[in-house]
Amino acid sequence: MRDRLTMQASDDITKNWLSSIGAIFDLAEFAIAIIDSEFRIVYSNAVLEKTFGKVSGKRCLEYFNGRKDECPWCNLKKVCAGESQKWEWSKAPTGRVFEILDSLIKDPSGRAYKLSLFYDVTGRKKTEIELANAANRYRDSCELLEQTFASLQEAVIIVDPSGGTRRILDCNAGAEKMFGYSRDELIGQETLLLHVDYQKFKNFSDGAAASFAAGRSYETHSWMKRKNGEIFPTEHFVRPMFDASGKLQKNVSVIRDVTERERAEEDRRRMQDQVHQASKLAAIGTLVAGVAHEINNPLTVIRGNLDVLGDIVSRLGIQDKNLKQFLSIQESAIEQISGILKGLLDHVRRDPEESRAFDVHEAVQDTVALVNIIYRKQNVRIVMNLRARNSRVFGAIGKMQQVIMNLLVNAKEAIEERRGAGEIFVETLSPPDSNEMVLLVRDTGCGIAPENLEKIFGFFFTTKGSAKGTGLGLSISNSIIQGMGGRIEVSSEVGRGTTFTVRLPVGAE
């Protein structure tokens, strides 16, 4: 211990004093130093030298901080004047943190010293920093959760399920906007308030309880009621929240208003029906035209024969009234048949849709939108790559959509016949040095046999059998495209798929 008494004591009393208190301080588990008014370390215990190294006659400013001049934060004078100090100090370069207690101590002669006690608080500081960081993260998470809760467009309602009353504990602004109630009006109310009637509320509650009992969240389509009495469709997601013992504490309901989506789906279905109806009407028109043609031919022969028979009767001078009446009735019947056929043809040839310039890309996108969801459910994916530089053509956009629909339906049915998932590729391009645009519809279906390719656009020709096809779709499509000044081409490989190529002139008015 005397090796650590570095002061040249002026008398034996001071040396004995240092030895006496040193014997006590050497028992401490923390570092201790005694520093005189000249910054000299006159005593250091074993823990201090183990922690910071040998003192070897160094002054405190050099020993602790490696400085040659007084430290800017030095408190020696204040302590020697009787002012105790408590502060933290970080030891470079180790980064260890010490809490230092500095207080005045005097030797028997009254000389003042600074007694410094060093407590290593590195671990505690690290824990404090980690706790502070964790607290900050928790606060940030809470703020983010609150902001998310408040900003969600969906209604979020927190419900107390105890007692079967399902009372509302809290809700976000989305719930206020969706249902028309203020937050204050909703809190404390039973959720029955938001359901159409008690029976629907009970059905909902029973369904949720069954899902919770099976350890699942509850998802359902549910009709709800706004404050103004309006009933609207929703998608309802309910997640149970349990305590540590597994007891149900709260339900969190997320409610999405699907009014606009269901309205859009209804519009899409209506458009599909219209396109389907237009396709059927076009098929009927083609059928009528074909039948009229087939009837007119023999009818012309009958009319001619009847004229010949009338001439013969006149030349022979036959005056039989019954015969003349018979010929007159036959002639009237023939005219009646001709009139009926002409009326039918005039009706089916009427086209109420005015031809105009339109964008083929728009026709493709609108038609694909009609069937895309349905086809996906049937494992048929439609891939579009619309890259024609100029896609404006002249014609009836409704008829163009009918052509696209026919090609998509044929492609989907070819994929189904192959029995498996498949893809339909819809692509447009602009051939170089050409005033055309090209629409390609390619499928990964069963393909068409070579012997059928030449007949594919013929009236009433089908490879699907009478149960599925009429043989009119492609013939009608071919007629429409020809009417627009274009043409349809087909290529196919059995087992690999079929490509229909529609070529149309662009820029024509």
Foldseek 3Di string as FASTA:
>chain_A
DVVQQLDPDPDVQQVVQCVVVQVVVLVDPFWKFKAAPVQWTRGTHPRNCVVQNDCVGPGNCCSQPNDPDDDPPDCFVVQQVFDWDWDWDAGPPVRWIWIKTWHWDAGPVGGIIIMITTDGCRVVVVVVVVVVVVVVVVVVVVVVVVVCQQPDLWKKWKFFCPPNQGATQFIYVNNCVVQVHDGVVRHGHGCCQWALHDVQVVVVVVQQVVQVVVVHWDWDWGWTAHPVGDIFIKIKTKDFDADPVRHTGIIIITIGGCRVVVVVLVVLVVVVVVLVVVLVLLLVLVVLVVVLVVVVVVLVVVVVVLVVVVVVCVVVVDPDPVVVVVSVVVVVVSVVVVVVSVVSNVVSPDDPFDKDKDFLVVLLVSLCVSCQVVLVVVQEHEAEAEDAPFRIAITGSSLSNSLNNLLVVVQSVQAVVQPDHWYWYWYKYDDPPDQKIKIKIKIQGQKDDPVCQVVLLPQQDDPPDPVPDRSHSNVSSQVRLVVRVWGWHKDIDGNGIIMIMIMHGGPDD
